[in-house]
Protein backbone atom coordinates (compact mmCIF):
# COMPACT_ATOMS: atom_id res chain seq x y z
CA UNK A 1 19.12 12.41 66.39
CA UNK A 2 20.17 9.06 67.81
CA UNK A 3 18.31 7.32 65.01
CA UNK A 4 20.10 9.34 62.29
CA UNK A 5 23.44 8.85 64.01
CA UNK A 6 22.95 5.09 63.86
CA UNK A 7 22.45 5.13 60.05
CA UNK A 8 25.69 4.27 58.21
CA UNK A 9 27.14 7.10 56.15
CA UNK A 10 27.48 4.95 53.03
CA UNK A 11 23.74 4.19 53.10
CA UNK A 12 22.99 7.93 53.14
CA UNK A 13 25.49 8.47 50.34
CA UNK A 14 23.88 5.71 48.24
CA UNK A 15 20.39 7.13 48.83
CA UNK A 16 21.17 10.84 48.24
CA UNK A 17 23.68 10.21 45.44
CA UNK A 18 21.39 7.76 43.69
CA UNK A 19 18.35 10.04 43.91
CA UNK A 20 20.38 12.99 42.62
CA UNK A 21 21.73 10.90 39.72
CA UNK A 22 18.22 9.77 38.75
CA UNK A 23 16.97 13.36 39.03
CA UNK A 24 19.76 14.63 36.76
CA UNK A 25 18.96 11.88 34.26
CA UNK A 26 15.28 12.84 34.39
CA UNK A 27 16.13 16.51 33.73
CA UNK A 28 18.34 15.55 30.77
CA UNK A 29 15.55 13.43 29.30
CA UNK A 30 12.95 16.18 29.76
CA UNK A 31 15.15 18.89 28.25
CA UNK A 32 18.00 17.79 25.99
CA UNK A 33 16.63 14.50 24.68
CA UNK A 34 13.07 15.85 24.29
CA UNK A 35 14.34 18.90 22.37
CA UNK A 36 16.43 16.64 20.12
CA UNK A 37 13.46 14.32 19.49
CA UNK A 38 11.26 17.29 18.56
CA UNK A 39 13.76 18.25 15.83
CA UNK A 40 13.72 14.82 14.17
CA UNK A 41 11.08 13.49 11.78
CA UNK A 42 11.09 9.98 13.23
CA UNK A 43 8.46 9.12 15.83
CA UNK A 44 10.42 6.25 17.34
CA UNK A 45 12.65 8.54 19.40
CA UNK A 46 9.47 10.01 20.93
CA UNK A 47 8.40 6.49 21.89
CA UNK A 48 11.78 5.76 23.51
CA UNK A 49 11.71 9.01 25.48
CA UNK A 50 8.15 8.30 26.64
CA UNK A 51 9.23 4.86 27.89
CA UNK A 52 12.19 6.42 29.74
CA UNK A 53 9.98 9.03 31.41
CA UNK A 54 7.01 6.80 32.16
CA UNK A 55 8.67 3.50 33.08
CA UNK A 56 12.45 3.61 33.53
CA UNK A 57 12.78 6.73 35.73
CA UNK A 58 10.16 5.56 38.32
CA UNK A 59 11.85 2.14 38.47
CA UNK A 60 15.26 3.76 39.05
CA UNK A 61 13.84 5.68 42.01
CA UNK A 62 12.55 2.41 43.50
CA UNK A 63 15.90 0.77 42.78
CA UNK A 64 17.88 3.49 44.60
CA UNK A 65 15.60 3.47 47.67
CA UNK A 66 15.55 -0.33 47.99
CA UNK A 67 19.29 -0.64 47.39
CA UNK A 68 20.03 1.99 50.02
CA UNK A 69 17.87 0.08 52.53
CA UNK A 70 19.69 -3.16 51.72
CA UNK A 71 23.04 -1.68 52.79
CA UNK A 72 21.66 -0.83 56.23
CA UNK A 73 22.43 -3.09 59.20
CA UNK A 74 19.07 -4.89 59.05
CA UNK A 75 18.06 -8.51 59.85
CA UNK A 76 19.48 -11.06 57.46
CA UNK A 77 16.07 -12.19 56.17
CA UNK A 78 15.08 -8.70 54.89
CA UNK A 79 17.64 -8.19 52.03
CA UNK A 80 16.52 -11.36 50.17
CA UNK A 81 12.92 -10.17 50.49
CA UNK A 82 13.86 -6.70 49.17
CA UNK A 83 15.78 -8.30 46.31
CA UNK A 84 12.75 -10.34 45.34
CA UNK A 85 10.60 -7.21 45.62
CA UNK A 86 12.97 -5.35 43.29
CA UNK A 87 12.93 -8.20 40.77
CA UNK A 88 9.12 -8.28 40.91
CA UNK A 89 8.95 -4.53 40.30
CA UNK A 90 11.35 -4.96 37.41
CA UNK A 91 9.10 -7.62 35.88
CA UNK A 92 6.04 -5.37 36.22
CA UNK A 93 7.85 -2.38 34.71
CA UNK A 94 9.12 -4.57 31.86
CA UNK A 95 5.58 -5.81 31.15
CA UNK A 96 4.20 -2.27 31.11
CA UNK A 97 7.04 -1.06 28.86
CA UNK A 98 6.47 -3.98 26.47
CA UNK A 99 2.77 -3.12 26.23
CA UNK A 100 3.61 0.54 25.54
CA UNK A 101 6.06 -0.49 22.82
CA UNK A 102 3.60 -2.87 21.13
CA UNK A 103 0.89 -0.19 21.17
CA UNK A 104 3.34 2.21 19.52
CA UNK A 105 4.18 -0.39 16.84
CA UNK A 106 0.48 -0.89 16.10
CA UNK A 107 -0.10 2.87 15.86
CA UNK A 108 3.00 3.74 13.81
CA UNK A 109 3.69 0.74 11.59
CA UNK A 110 0.38 -1.03 10.98
CA UNK A 111 -2.45 0.86 9.33
CA UNK A 112 -6.02 -0.04 8.49
CA UNK A 113 -6.84 -1.63 11.84
CA UNK A 114 -10.34 -1.04 13.10
CA UNK A 115 -10.82 0.06 16.69
CA UNK A 116 -12.30 -3.34 17.48
CA UNK A 117 -9.32 -5.13 15.93
CA UNK A 118 -6.88 -2.88 17.77
CA UNK A 119 -8.53 -3.71 21.09
CA UNK A 120 -8.49 -7.41 20.25
CA UNK A 121 -4.76 -7.42 19.58
CA UNK A 122 -3.97 -5.45 22.73
CA UNK A 123 -6.13 -7.82 24.79
CA UNK A 124 -4.29 -10.89 23.48
CA UNK A 125 -0.86 -9.30 23.86
CA UNK A 126 -1.71 -8.09 27.37
CA UNK A 127 -2.80 -11.60 28.38
CA UNK A 128 0.44 -13.13 27.07
CA UNK A 129 2.75 -10.52 28.60
CA UNK A 130 1.10 -10.55 32.02
CA UNK A 131 1.06 -14.36 32.02
CA UNK A 132 4.80 -14.42 31.38
CA UNK A 133 5.41 -11.72 34.00
CA UNK A 134 3.30 -13.60 36.57
CA UNK A 135 5.18 -16.84 35.94
CA UNK A 136 8.50 -15.02 36.28
CA UNK A 137 7.44 -13.44 39.59
CA UNK A 138 6.13 -16.75 40.95
CA UNK A 139 9.40 -18.44 40.00
CA UNK A 140 11.28 -15.65 41.76
CA UNK A 141 9.17 -16.24 44.89
CA UNK A 142 10.07 -19.95 44.91
CA UNK A 143 6.96 -21.55 43.43
CA UNK A 144 7.32 -24.58 41.15
CA UNK A 145 6.55 -22.90 37.85
CA UNK A 146 7.21 -26.03 35.79
CA UNK A 147 4.21 -27.76 37.37
CA UNK A 148 2.03 -24.72 36.65
CA UNK A 149 3.20 -24.61 33.02
CA UNK A 150 2.53 -28.35 32.62
CA UNK A 151 -1.00 -27.88 33.93
CA UNK A 152 -1.55 -24.91 31.64
CA UNK A 153 -0.20 -26.93 28.72
CA UNK A 154 -2.72 -29.74 29.26
CA UNK A 155 -5.54 -27.22 29.63
CA UNK A 156 -4.34 -25.37 26.53
CA UNK A 157 -4.46 -28.55 24.43
CA UNK A 158 -8.03 -29.19 25.57
CA UNK A 159 -9.07 -25.62 24.74
CA UNK A 160 -7.33 -25.77 21.36
CA UNK A 161 -9.16 -28.98 20.41
CA UNK A 162 -12.49 -27.48 21.45
CA UNK A 163 -11.95 -24.20 19.60
CA UNK A 164 -10.05 -25.12 16.44
CA UNK A 165 -12.20 -22.95 14.16
CA UNK A 166 -11.99 -19.93 16.46
CA UNK A 167 -8.22 -20.25 16.82
CA UNK A 168 -7.86 -20.64 13.05
CA UNK A 169 -9.78 -17.38 12.55
CA UNK A 170 -7.61 -15.62 15.13
CA UNK A 171 -4.37 -16.82 13.51
CA UNK A 172 -5.64 -15.78 10.09
CA UNK A 173 -6.54 -12.39 11.54
CA UNK A 174 -2.89 -11.87 12.46
CA UNK A 175 -1.88 -13.14 9.01
CA UNK A 176 -4.13 -10.48 7.44
CA UNK A 177 -2.87 -7.87 9.87
CA UNK A 178 0.83 -8.33 9.15
CA UNK A 179 0.64 -9.33 5.48
CA UNK A 180 -1.94 -6.59 4.76
CA UNK A 181 -3.54 -7.92 1.55
CA UNK A 182 -6.17 -5.21 2.06
CA UNK A 183 -7.10 -2.34 4.35
CA UNK A 184 -10.37 -0.94 5.61
CA UNK A 185 -11.94 0.99 2.72
CA UNK A 186 -10.47 -1.14 -0.09
CA UNK A 187 -12.77 -2.44 -2.82
CA UNK A 188 -12.25 -6.20 -3.20
CA UNK A 189 -13.70 -9.23 -4.93
CA UNK A 190 -13.63 -12.47 -2.92
CA UNK A 191 -15.01 -15.39 -4.90
CA UNK A 192 -18.46 -14.25 -6.02
CA UNK A 193 -18.60 -11.43 -3.42
CA UNK A 194 -17.62 -7.87 -4.28
CA UNK A 195 -17.68 -4.84 -2.02
CA UNK A 196 -15.76 -2.53 0.30
CA UNK A 197 -13.94 -3.72 3.42
CA UNK A 198 -15.87 -2.19 6.31
CA UNK A 199 -14.11 -3.60 9.38
CA UNK A 200 -11.77 -6.36 10.53
CA UNK A 201 -12.24 -8.38 13.71
CA UNK A 202 -10.48 -11.24 15.45
CA UNK A 203 -12.94 -13.78 14.02
CA UNK A 204 -14.48 -12.20 10.93
CA UNK A 205 -14.22 -9.44 8.36
CA UNK A 206 -17.22 -7.38 7.28
CA UNK A 207 -17.71 -6.37 3.63
CA UNK A 208 -20.28 -3.83 2.41
CA UNK A 209 -21.50 -5.05 -0.98
CA UNK A 210 -22.39 -2.87 -3.97
CA UNK A 211 -26.07 -3.64 -3.38
CA UNK A 212 -25.75 -2.36 0.18
CA UNK A 213 -26.03 -5.42 2.43
CA UNK A 214 -23.30 -6.31 4.90
CA UNK A 215 -21.51 -9.60 4.19
CA UNK A 216 -19.60 -11.28 7.02
CA UNK A 217 -16.79 -13.68 6.14
CA UNK A 218 -14.68 -15.63 8.61
CA UNK A 219 -10.99 -14.76 8.44
CA UNK A 220 -10.17 -18.37 7.56
CA UNK A 221 -12.61 -18.32 4.64
CA UNK A 222 -11.20 -14.99 3.50
CA UNK A 223 -7.60 -16.20 3.51
CA UNK A 224 -8.47 -19.45 1.71
CA UNK A 225 -10.18 -17.66 -1.21
CA UNK A 226 -8.59 -15.78 -4.10
CA UNK A 227 -8.90 -12.07 -3.40
CA UNK A 228 -8.77 -9.23 -5.94
CA UNK A 229 -7.92 -5.81 -4.45
CA UNK A 230 -8.94 -3.09 -6.91
CA UNK A 231 -7.95 -0.24 -4.59
CA UNK A 232 -4.27 -0.96 -5.22
CA UNK A 233 -4.43 -0.65 -8.99
CA UNK A 234 -2.22 2.13 -10.33
CA UNK A 235 -3.91 1.86 -13.72
CA UNK A 236 -7.02 0.07 -14.93
CA UNK A 237 -6.59 -1.85 -18.20
CA UNK A 238 -9.66 -1.88 -20.44
CA UNK A 239 -10.16 -4.06 -23.52
CA UNK A 240 -13.16 -3.81 -25.84
CA UNK A 241 -14.09 -4.59 -29.43
CA UNK A 242 -16.20 -2.72 -31.92
CA UNK A 243 -17.43 -4.02 -35.24
CA UNK A 244 -18.22 -2.22 -38.48
CA UNK A 245 -20.19 -3.43 -41.46
CA UNK A 246 -18.63 -5.51 -44.22
CA UNK A 247 -19.72 -2.77 -46.63
CA UNK A 248 -17.16 -0.39 -45.08
CA UNK A 249 -14.57 0.73 -47.65
CA UNK A 250 -10.89 -0.06 -47.36
CA UNK A 251 -10.02 3.63 -46.92
CA UNK A 252 -12.42 3.98 -44.01
CA UNK A 253 -11.06 0.79 -42.41
CA UNK A 254 -7.54 2.24 -42.65
CA UNK A 255 -8.70 5.47 -41.01
CA UNK A 256 -10.27 3.82 -37.92
CA UNK A 257 -7.00 3.26 -35.91
CA UNK A 258 -5.99 6.90 -36.47
CA UNK A 259 -9.45 8.07 -35.40
CA UNK A 260 -9.25 6.02 -32.20
CA UNK A 261 -5.74 7.35 -31.45
CA UNK A 262 -6.94 10.94 -31.90
CA UNK A 263 -9.93 10.35 -29.61
CA UNK A 264 -7.83 8.77 -26.85
CA UNK A 265 -5.16 11.49 -26.95
CA UNK A 266 -7.81 14.12 -26.28
CA UNK A 267 -9.10 12.54 -23.04
CA UNK A 268 -7.18 13.30 -19.84
CA UNK A 269 -6.12 10.32 -17.75
CA UNK A 270 -6.47 7.86 -20.65
CA UNK A 271 -3.54 6.21 -22.46
CA UNK A 272 -4.09 4.18 -25.62
CA UNK A 273 -2.10 0.94 -25.74
CA UNK A 274 -3.16 -0.36 -29.17
CA UNK A 275 -5.93 -0.47 -31.77
CA UNK A 276 -5.96 -3.29 -34.34
CA UNK A 277 -8.22 -4.74 -37.00
CA UNK A 278 -8.40 -8.17 -35.39
CA UNK A 279 -11.16 -10.33 -36.81
CA UNK A 280 -13.41 -11.19 -39.72
CA UNK A 281 -16.48 -12.06 -37.69
CA UNK A 282 -19.75 -13.60 -38.91
CA UNK A 283 -21.41 -10.26 -39.55
CA UNK A 284 -18.78 -7.62 -38.78
CA UNK A 285 -15.20 -6.45 -39.24
CA UNK A 286 -13.90 -6.22 -35.67
CA UNK A 287 -11.32 -3.88 -34.12
CA UNK A 288 -9.78 -4.53 -30.70
CA UNK A 289 -8.89 -1.49 -28.58
CA UNK A 290 -6.82 -1.58 -25.40
CA UNK A 291 -6.33 1.46 -23.17
CA UNK A 292 -5.38 2.38 -19.60
CA UNK A 293 -7.18 4.68 -17.16
CA UNK A 294 -5.08 6.27 -14.39
CA UNK A 295 -6.11 5.34 -10.86
CA UNK A 296 -8.43 2.72 -9.45
CA UNK A 297 -11.69 4.60 -8.92
CA UNK A 298 -14.48 2.68 -10.66
CA UNK A 299 -16.66 5.75 -11.23
CA UNK A 300 -13.80 7.56 -12.98
CA UNK A 301 -13.23 4.45 -15.11
CA UNK A 302 -16.89 4.44 -16.17
CA UNK A 303 -16.87 8.21 -16.84
CA UNK A 304 -13.87 7.82 -19.14
CA UNK A 305 -15.39 4.79 -20.86
CA UNK A 306 -18.58 6.73 -21.54
CA UNK A 307 -16.61 9.69 -22.88
CA UNK A 308 -14.63 7.40 -25.21
CA UNK A 309 -17.74 5.62 -26.51
CA UNK A 310 -19.55 8.92 -27.14
CA UNK A 311 -16.55 10.31 -29.00
CA UNK A 312 -16.25 7.17 -31.16
CA UNK A 313 -19.94 7.31 -32.01
CA UNK A 314 -19.63 10.98 -33.01
CA UNK A 315 -16.55 10.41 -35.18
CA UNK A 316 -18.03 7.35 -36.90
CA UNK A 317 -21.25 9.23 -37.59
CA UNK A 318 -19.30 12.10 -39.16
CA UNK A 319 -17.21 9.69 -41.26
CA UNK A 320 -20.34 7.71 -42.25
CA UNK A 321 -18.93 4.48 -40.80
CA UNK A 322 -21.73 2.13 -39.74
CA UNK A 323 -21.54 -0.10 -36.70
CA UNK A 324 -22.32 -3.72 -37.44
CA UNK A 325 -25.11 -5.75 -35.89
CA UNK A 326 -25.93 -9.43 -36.30
CA UNK A 327 -27.34 -10.04 -39.79
CA UNK A 328 -28.02 -13.01 -42.01
CA UNK A 329 -27.98 -13.11 -45.78
CA UNK A 330 -30.22 -15.60 -47.56
CA UNK A 331 -29.40 -16.54 -51.16
CA UNK A 332 -32.39 -17.85 -53.14
CA UNK A 333 -31.56 -20.02 -56.10
CA UNK A 334 -34.25 -20.61 -58.71
CA UNK A 335 -34.63 -24.20 -59.76
């Protein structure tokens, strides 16, 4: 009893009042705020509530306990130590909260990241955040952080010079990640390479070619080459020519555009842009046809193309219109 009697009343008030306030705040977060977040469509409020529950509430409990101890009649050297302890805890909680927030951003806002790439980003971010937190804590404890940073700077320059290619690939990985010129599963053409993006890593990107082999390109090489992403086509534009014989009558030539229009209108997912008699070629009268196929799937494109070609062949056969093929006519003149 003598021990409790010696404790100042205001210290008890700070401790009990502070703990009760934090407990009330925790109950409000777990009930009112959680219920409100469950009614909204946004996922960001769930992230904020998770950070409050997981990081802020535990820190507030530490804050109340340490602050209540600091108001006790204790030796003069203890409050500065407790203050530094509280600042250190704050730095650790801030680092953990920052990591949680960055993980949430990666999960909610950035798609198409492979598991390997996700781990790589988190590893880099964790190293940076904990380095900053460690420097902050050391500075708070009285160490000369400027000397440490200068030493790290010299070492960093040496590492950068020794690993220029690796660092370039890493920076280009982040450029791909945030610019998102493609995602895993997209069909792309890079230079003379065509295939499907299989995975993205910190140093390289893997492409599965049409033949089946795996092609590995460095991220720097990938970003420095023109890239065609066929997955993001809303429509595929197709242009082709067909030629008929010079013996074809004028009436049949006039009928060909109408025949093509009729064929295209009867095929779902195909839109005719134009059909024109375009050229007097060496051995044929040529028509140019332009049409669009909905979507980007290559197999669907080829199915529609086959259906169109079959239908044209059938209609031309019925109308007795002959396709042209390379021919030569030789005129013999008697002397």
